[in-house]
Amino acid sequence: MIEMVPPGVRTTLMGQQDNDHAMPLDDFLTQALDLLREKPDAKEIVVERARFIRDAVANGSYDDVLALIASS
């Protein structure tokens, strides 16, 4: 099992198709599949656009990230 850490992605699934802050679906898929090819034994896949979310607790920015996500 590989954990996937996605950012907001421009799809109709969550109503983000017109959200300028959400990542285009094609870009997300390209990056995610590239990472899977590069690291087939990875336990976690994090595209660059989701890195700030993934690392929020470790770098002390959790409250700021949560506020940013809540306002989107």
PDB file of N, CA and C in Angstrom:
ATOM      1  N   MET A   1       0.840  -1.165   0.000  1.00  0.00           N
ATOM      2  CA  MET A   1       0.000   0.000   0.000  1.00  0.00           C
ATOM      3  C   MET A   1       0.890   1.233   0.000  1.00  0.00           C
ATOM      4  N   ILE A   2       0.523   2.191  -0.812  1.00  0.00           N
ATOM      5  CA  ILE A   2       1.236   3.463  -0.890  1.00  0.00           C
ATOM      6  C   ILE A   2       0.271   4.581  -0.537  1.00  0.00           C
ATOM      7  N   GLU A   3       0.668   5.401   0.419  1.00  0.00           N
ATOM      8  CA  GLU A   3      -0.164   6.546   0.782  1.00  0.00           C
ATOM      9  C   GLU A   3       0.074   7.671  -0.217  1.00  0.00           C
ATOM     10  N   MET A   4      -1.001   8.243  -0.730  1.00  0.00           N
ATOM     11  CA  MET A   4      -0.935   9.342  -1.687  1.00  0.00           C
ATOM     12  C   MET A   4      -1.388  10.613  -0.966  1.00  0.00           C
ATOM     13  N   VAL A   5      -0.573  11.641  -1.000  1.00  0.00           N
ATOM     14  CA  VAL A   5      -0.901  12.905  -0.349  1.00  0.00           C
ATOM     15  C   VAL A   5      -1.234  13.915  -1.449  1.00  0.00           C
ATOM     16  N   PRO A   6      -2.516  14.065  -1.763  1.00  0.00           N
ATOM     17  CA  PRO A   6      -2.875  14.963  -2.860  1.00  0.00           C
ATOM     18  C   PRO A   6      -3.113  16.396  -2.392  1.00  0.00           C
ATOM     19  N   PRO A   7      -2.860  17.342  -3.267  1.00  0.00           N
ATOM     20  CA  PRO A   7      -3.284  18.719  -3.004  1.00  0.00           C
ATOM     21  C   PRO A   7      -4.734  18.837  -3.458  1.00  0.00           C
ATOM     22  N   GLY A   8      -5.298  20.020  -3.389  1.00  0.00           N
ATOM     23  CA  GLY A   8      -6.577  20.232  -4.050  1.00  0.00           C
ATOM     24  C   GLY A   8      -6.351  20.071  -5.545  1.00  0.00           C
ATOM     25  N   VAL A   9      -7.224  19.327  -6.200  1.00  0.00           N
ATOM     26  CA  VAL A   9      -7.063  19.052  -7.632  1.00  0.00           C
ATOM     27  C   VAL A   9      -8.312  19.547  -8.357  1.00  0.00           C
ATOM     28  N   ARG A  10      -8.122  20.186  -9.503  1.00  0.00           N
ATOM     29  CA  ARG A  10      -9.246  20.727 -10.284  1.00  0.00           C
ATOM     30  C   ARG A  10     -10.068  19.607 -10.911  1.00  0.00           C
ATOM     31  N   THR A  11     -11.085  19.194 -10.177  1.00  0.00           N
ATOM     32  CA  THR A  11     -12.038  18.212 -10.692  1.00  0.00           C
ATOM     33  C   THR A  11     -13.430  18.615 -10.213  1.00  0.00           C
ATOM     34  N   THR A  12     -14.435  17.985 -10.783  1.00  0.00           N
ATOM     35  CA  THR A  12     -15.805  18.237 -10.340  1.00  0.00           C
ATOM     36  C   THR A  12     -16.141  17.430  -9.085  1.00  0.00           C
ATOM     37  N   LEU A  13     -15.265  16.490  -8.729  1.00  0.00           N
ATOM     38  CA  LEU A  13     -15.520  15.625  -7.575  1.00  0.00           C
ATOM     39  C   LEU A  13     -15.786  16.427  -6.302  1.00  0.00           C
ATOM     40  N   MET A  14     -14.980  17.429  -6.039  1.00  0.00           N
ATOM     41  CA  MET A  14     -15.150  18.258  -4.842  1.00  0.00           C
ATOM     42  C   MET A  14     -15.533  19.686  -5.205  1.00  0.00           C
ATOM     43  N   GLY A  15     -16.004  19.897  -6.430  1.00  0.00           N
ATOM     44  CA  GLY A  15     -16.420  21.230  -6.857  1.00  0.00           C
ATOM     45  C   GLY A  15     -15.268  22.201  -7.044  1.00  0.00           C
ATOM     46  N   GLN A  16     -14.073  21.688  -7.323  1.00  0.00           N
ATOM     47  CA  GLN A  16     -12.904  22.554  -7.464  1.00  0.00           C
ATOM     48  C   GLN A  16     -12.509  22.791  -8.918  1.00  0.00           C
ATOM     49  N   GLN A  17     -13.385  22.483  -9.846  1.00  0.00           N
ATOM     50  CA  GLN A  17     -13.048  22.587 -11.265  1.00  0.00           C
ATOM     51  C   GLN A  17     -12.664  23.997 -11.691  1.00  0.00           C
ATOM     52  N   ASP A  18     -13.128  25.012 -10.995  1.00  0.00           N
ATOM     53  CA  ASP A  18     -12.812  26.396 -11.343  1.00  0.00           C
ATOM     54  C   ASP A  18     -11.904  27.071 -10.317  1.00  0.00           C
ATOM     55  N   ASN A  19     -11.372  26.309  -9.389  1.00  0.00           N
ATOM     56  CA  ASN A  19     -10.534  26.855  -8.321  1.00  0.00           C
ATOM     57  C   ASN A  19      -9.110  27.084  -8.830  1.00  0.00           C
ATOM     58  N   ASP A  20      -8.708  28.338  -8.899  1.00  0.00           N
ATOM     59  CA  ASP A  20      -7.366  28.673  -9.387  1.00  0.00           C
ATOM     60  C   ASP A  20      -6.263  28.159  -8.461  1.00  0.00           C
ATOM     61  N   HIS A  21      -6.598  27.880  -7.204  1.00  0.00           N
ATOM     62  CA  HIS A  21      -5.603  27.377  -6.256  1.00  0.00           C
ATOM     63  C   HIS A  21      -5.426  25.862  -6.367  1.00  0.00           C
ATOM     64  N   ALA A  22      -6.353  25.196  -7.007  1.00  0.00           N
ATOM     65  CA  ALA A  22      -6.274  23.743  -7.148  1.00  0.00           C
ATOM     66  C   ALA A  22      -5.361  23.380  -8.315  1.00  0.00           C
ATOM     67  N   MET A  23      -4.705  22.245  -8.184  1.00  0.00           N
ATOM     68  CA  MET A  23      -3.758  21.773  -9.196  1.00  0.00           C
ATOM     69  C   MET A  23      -4.511  21.163 -10.373  1.00  0.00           C
ATOM     70  N   PRO A  24      -4.115  21.473 -11.590  1.00  0.00           N
ATOM     71  CA  PRO A  24      -4.749  20.840 -12.750  1.00  0.00           C
ATOM     72  C   PRO A  24      -4.589  19.313 -12.669  1.00  0.00           C
ATOM     73  N   LEU A  25      -5.629  18.603 -12.992  1.00  0.00           N
ATOM     74  CA  LEU A  25      -5.634  17.145 -12.879  1.00  0.00           C
ATOM     75  C   LEU A  25      -4.499  16.508 -13.674  1.00  0.00           C
ATOM     76  N   ASP A  26      -4.286  16.939 -14.903  1.00  0.00           N
ATOM     77  CA  ASP A  26      -3.209  16.351 -15.721  1.00  0.00           C
ATOM     78  C   ASP A  26      -1.841  16.525 -15.067  1.00  0.00           C
ATOM     79  N   ASP A  27      -1.602  17.681 -14.468  1.00  0.00           N
ATOM     80  CA  ASP A  27      -0.326  17.917 -13.786  1.00  0.00           C
ATOM     81  C   ASP A  27      -0.173  16.986 -12.584  1.00  0.00           C
ATOM     82  N   PHE A  28      -1.247  16.849 -11.808  1.00  0.00           N
ATOM     83  CA  PHE A  28      -1.199  15.958 -10.649  1.00  0.00           C
ATOM     84  C   PHE A  28      -0.909  14.526 -11.077  1.00  0.00           C
ATOM     85  N   LEU A  29      -1.628  14.049 -12.084  1.00  0.00           N
ATOM     86  CA  LEU A  29      -1.427  12.671 -12.542  1.00  0.00           C
ATOM     87  C   LEU A  29      -0.020  12.451 -13.084  1.00  0.00           C
ATOM     88  N   THR A  30       0.483  13.395 -13.847  1.00  0.00           N
ATOM     89  CA  THR A  30       1.841  13.273 -14.388  1.00  0.00           C
ATOM     90  C   THR A  30       2.870  13.173 -13.270  1.00  0.00           C
ATOM     91  N   GLN A  31       2.786  14.086 -12.301  1.00  0.00           N
ATOM     92  CA  GLN A  31       3.752  14.075 -11.201  1.00  0.00           C
ATOM     93  C   GLN A  31       3.622  12.819 -10.353  1.00  0.00           C
ATOM     94  N   ALA A  32       2.397  12.433 -10.037  1.00  0.00           N
ATOM     95  CA  ALA A  32       2.182  11.252  -9.201  1.00  0.00           C
ATOM     96  C   ALA A  32       2.702   9.986  -9.885  1.00  0.00           C
ATOM     97  N   LEU A  33       2.400   9.827 -11.157  1.00  0.00           N
ATOM     98  CA  LEU A  33       2.866   8.644 -11.884  1.00  0.00           C
ATOM     99  C   LEU A  33       4.382   8.657 -12.053  1.00  0.00           C
ATOM    100  N   ASP A  34       4.971   9.821 -12.273  1.00  0.00           N
ATOM    101  CA  ASP A  34       6.433   9.916 -12.351  1.00  0.00           C
ATOM    102  C   ASP A  34       7.074   9.482 -11.032  1.00  0.00           C
ATOM    103  N   LEU A  35       6.516   9.944  -9.919  1.00  0.00           N
ATOM    104  CA  LEU A  35       7.045   9.562  -8.608  1.00  0.00           C
ATOM    105  C   LEU A  35       6.892   8.066  -8.364  1.00  0.00           C
ATOM    106  N   LEU A  36       5.783   7.498  -8.770  1.00  0.00           N
ATOM    107  CA  LEU A  36       5.585   6.052  -8.617  1.00  0.00           C
ATOM    108  C   LEU A  36       6.595   5.261  -9.448  1.00  0.00           C
ATOM    109  N   ARG A  37       6.904   5.751 -10.644  1.00  0.00           N
ATOM    110  CA  ARG A  37       7.908   5.076 -11.477  1.00  0.00           C
ATOM    111  C   ARG A  37       9.312   5.199 -10.873  1.00  0.00           C
ATOM    112  N   GLU A  38       9.621   6.382 -10.363  1.00  0.00           N
ATOM    113  CA  GLU A  38      10.942   6.634  -9.784  1.00  0.00           C
ATOM    114  C   GLU A  38      11.156   5.877  -8.477  1.00  0.00           C
ATOM    115  N   LYS A  39      10.075   5.727  -7.707  1.00  0.00           N
ATOM    116  CA  LYS A  39      10.180   5.121  -6.374  1.00  0.00           C
ATOM    117  C   LYS A  39       9.107   4.036  -6.201  1.00  0.00           C
ATOM    118  N   PRO A  40       9.242   2.918  -6.903  1.00  0.00           N
ATOM    119  CA  PRO A  40       8.197   1.888  -6.844  1.00  0.00           C
ATOM    120  C   PRO A  40       8.010   1.270  -5.457  1.00  0.00           C
ATOM    121  N   ASP A  41       8.995   1.408  -4.581  1.00  0.00           N
ATOM    122  CA  ASP A  41       8.889   0.855  -3.228  1.00  0.00           C
ATOM    123  C   ASP A  41       8.513   1.900  -2.180  1.00  0.00           C
ATOM    124  N   ALA A  42       8.130   3.085  -2.635  1.00  0.00           N
ATOM    125  CA  ALA A  42       7.796   4.172  -1.705  1.00  0.00           C
ATOM    126  C   ALA A  42       6.597   3.804  -0.832  1.00  0.00           C
ATOM    127  N   LYS A  43       6.612   4.301   0.368  1.00  0.00           N
ATOM    128  CA  LYS A  43       5.474   4.132   1.284  1.00  0.00           C
ATOM    129  C   LYS A  43       4.504   5.302   1.164  1.00  0.00           C
ATOM    130  N   GLU A  44       5.008   6.412   0.600  1.00  0.00           N
ATOM    131  CA  GLU A  44       4.221   7.642   0.500  1.00  0.00           C
ATOM    132  C   GLU A  44       4.620   8.389  -0.768  1.00  0.00           C
ATOM    133  N   ILE A  45       3.634   8.924  -1.473  1.00  0.00           N
ATOM    134  CA  ILE A  45       3.863   9.735  -2.659  1.00  0.00           C
ATOM    135  C   ILE A  45       3.278  11.123  -2.380  1.00  0.00           C
ATOM    136  N   VAL A  46       4.133  12.141  -2.482  1.00  0.00           N
ATOM    137  CA  VAL A  46       3.708  13.516  -2.234  1.00  0.00           C
ATOM    138  C   VAL A  46       4.149  14.370  -3.428  1.00  0.00           C
ATOM    139  N   VAL A  47       3.186  14.862  -4.201  1.00  0.00           N
ATOM    140  CA  VAL A  47       3.556  15.770  -5.288  1.00  0.00           C
ATOM    141  C   VAL A  47       4.014  17.085  -4.678  1.00  0.00           C
ATOM    142  N   GLU A  48       4.821  17.817  -5.403  1.00  0.00           N
ATOM    143  CA  GLU A  48       5.432  19.034  -4.865  1.00  0.00           C
ATOM    144  C   GLU A  48       4.393  20.023  -4.325  1.00  0.00           C
ATOM    145  N   ARG A  49       3.263  20.131  -4.992  1.00  0.00           N
ATOM    146  CA  ARG A  49       2.229  21.093  -4.585  1.00  0.00           C
ATOM    147  C   ARG A  49       1.576  20.730  -3.249  1.00  0.00           C
ATOM    148  N   ALA A  50       1.713  19.483  -2.819  1.00  0.00           N
ATOM    149  CA  ALA A  50       1.134  19.044  -1.544  1.00  0.00           C
ATOM    150  C   ALA A  50       2.164  18.992  -0.425  1.00  0.00           C
ATOM    151  N   ARG A  51       3.411  19.267  -0.736  1.00  0.00           N
ATOM    152  CA  ARG A  51       4.490  19.152   0.259  1.00  0.00           C
ATOM    153  C   ARG A  51       4.236  20.057   1.465  1.00  0.00           C
ATOM    154  N   PHE A  52       3.744  21.285   1.249  1.00  0.00           N
ATOM    155  CA  PHE A  52       3.509  22.201   2.384  1.00  0.00           C
ATOM    156  C   PHE A  52       2.448  21.658   3.333  1.00  0.00           C
ATOM    157  N   ILE A  53       1.486  20.906   2.818  1.00  0.00           N
ATOM    158  CA  ILE A  53       0.467  20.296   3.676  1.00  0.00           C
ATOM    159  C   ILE A  53       1.078  19.144   4.458  1.00  0.00           C
ATOM    160  N   ARG A  54       1.826  18.300   3.761  1.00  0.00           N
ATOM    161  CA  ARG A  54       2.431  17.120   4.376  1.00  0.00           C
ATOM    162  C   ARG A  54       3.392  17.507   5.497  1.00  0.00           C
ATOM    163  N   ASP A  55       4.133  18.582   5.313  1.00  0.00           N
ATOM    164  CA  ASP A  55       5.168  18.970   6.272  1.00  0.00           C
ATOM    165  C   ASP A  55       4.707  19.999   7.299  1.00  0.00           C
ATOM    166  N   ALA A  56       3.444  20.352   7.308  1.00  0.00           N
ATOM    167  CA  ALA A  56       2.950  21.445   8.159  1.00  0.00           C
ATOM    168  C   ALA A  56       3.196  21.228   9.648  1.00  0.00           C
ATOM    169  N   VAL A  57       2.962  20.041  10.136  1.00  0.00           N
ATOM    170  CA  VAL A  57       3.171  19.785  11.565  1.00  0.00           C
ATOM    171  C   VAL A  57       4.654  19.857  11.899  1.00  0.00           C
ATOM    172  N   ALA A  58       5.476  19.218  11.074  1.00  0.00           N
ATOM    173  CA  ALA A  58       6.907  19.148  11.343  1.00  0.00           C
ATOM    174  C   ALA A  58       7.580  20.521  11.335  1.00  0.00           C
ATOM    175  N   ASN A  59       7.122  21.420  10.462  1.00  0.00           N
ATOM    176  CA  ASN A  59       7.794  22.726  10.389  1.00  0.00           C
ATOM    177  C   ASN A  59       7.058  23.835  11.149  1.00  0.00           C
ATOM    178  N   GLY A  60       6.004  23.464  11.883  1.00  0.00           N
ATOM    179  CA  GLY A  60       5.317  24.428  12.728  1.00  0.00           C
ATOM    180  C   GLY A  60       4.332  25.345  12.024  1.00  0.00           C
ATOM    181  N   SER A  61       3.942  25.003  10.798  1.00  0.00           N
ATOM    182  CA  SER A  61       3.017  25.870  10.063  1.00  0.00           C
ATOM    183  C   SER A  61       1.593  25.317   9.991  1.00  0.00           C
ATOM    184  N   TYR A  62       1.270  24.347  10.826  1.00  0.00           N
ATOM    185  CA  TYR A  62      -0.031  23.683  10.767  1.00  0.00           C
ATOM    186  C   TYR A  62      -1.202  24.658  10.850  1.00  0.00           C
ATOM    187  N   ASP A  63      -1.174  25.568  11.809  1.00  0.00           N
ATOM    188  CA  ASP A  63      -2.289  26.519  11.971  1.00  0.00           C
ATOM    189  C   ASP A  63      -2.455  27.396  10.725  1.00  0.00           C
ATOM    190  N   ASP A  64      -1.350  27.838  10.163  1.00  0.00           N
ATOM    191  CA  ASP A  64      -1.418  28.668   8.947  1.00  0.00           C
ATOM    192  C   ASP A  64      -1.961  27.874   7.760  1.00  0.00           C
ATOM    193  N   VAL A  65      -1.501  26.636   7.611  1.00  0.00           N
ATOM    194  CA  VAL A  65      -1.963  25.793   6.510  1.00  0.00           C
ATOM    195  C   VAL A  65      -3.446  25.482   6.663  1.00  0.00           C
ATOM    196  N   LEU A  66      -3.872  25.176   7.870  1.00  0.00           N
ATOM    197  CA  LEU A  66      -5.286  24.897   8.122  1.00  0.00           C
ATOM    198  C   LEU A  66      -6.150  26.112   7.792  1.00  0.00           C
ATOM    199  N   ALA A  67      -5.696  27.295   8.175  1.00  0.00           N
ATOM    200  CA  ALA A  67      -6.446  28.523   7.864  1.00  0.00           C
ATOM    201  C   ALA A  67      -6.512  28.751   6.341  1.00  0.00           C
ATOM    202  N   LEU A  68      -5.407  28.488   5.656  1.00  0.00           N
ATOM    203  CA  LEU A  68      -5.374  28.652   4.201  1.00  0.00           C
ATOM    204  C   LEU A  68      -6.350  27.691   3.522  1.00  0.00           C
ATOM    205  N   ILE A  69      -6.344  26.453   3.945  1.00  0.00           N
ATOM    206  CA  ILE A  69      -7.244  25.461   3.361  1.00  0.00           C
ATOM    207  C   ILE A  69      -8.708  25.797   3.658  1.00  0.00           C
ATOM    208  N   ALA A  70      -8.979  26.230   4.862  1.00  0.00           N
ATOM    209  CA  ALA A  70     -10.350  26.569   5.261  1.00  0.00           C
ATOM    210  C   ALA A  70     -10.896  27.761   4.467  1.00  0.00           C
ATOM    211  N   SER A  71     -10.019  28.667   4.058  1.00  0.00           N
ATOM    212  CA  SER A  71     -10.482  29.853   3.326  1.00  0.00           C
ATOM    213  C   SER A  71     -10.625  29.617   1.832  1.00  0.00           C
ATOM    214  N   SER A  72     -10.162  28.481   1.356  1.00  0.00           N
ATOM    215  CA  SER A  72     -10.237  28.188  -0.095  1.00  0.00           C
ATOM    216  C   SER A  72     -11.600  27.742  -0.527  1.00  0.00           C
TER     217      SER A  72
END
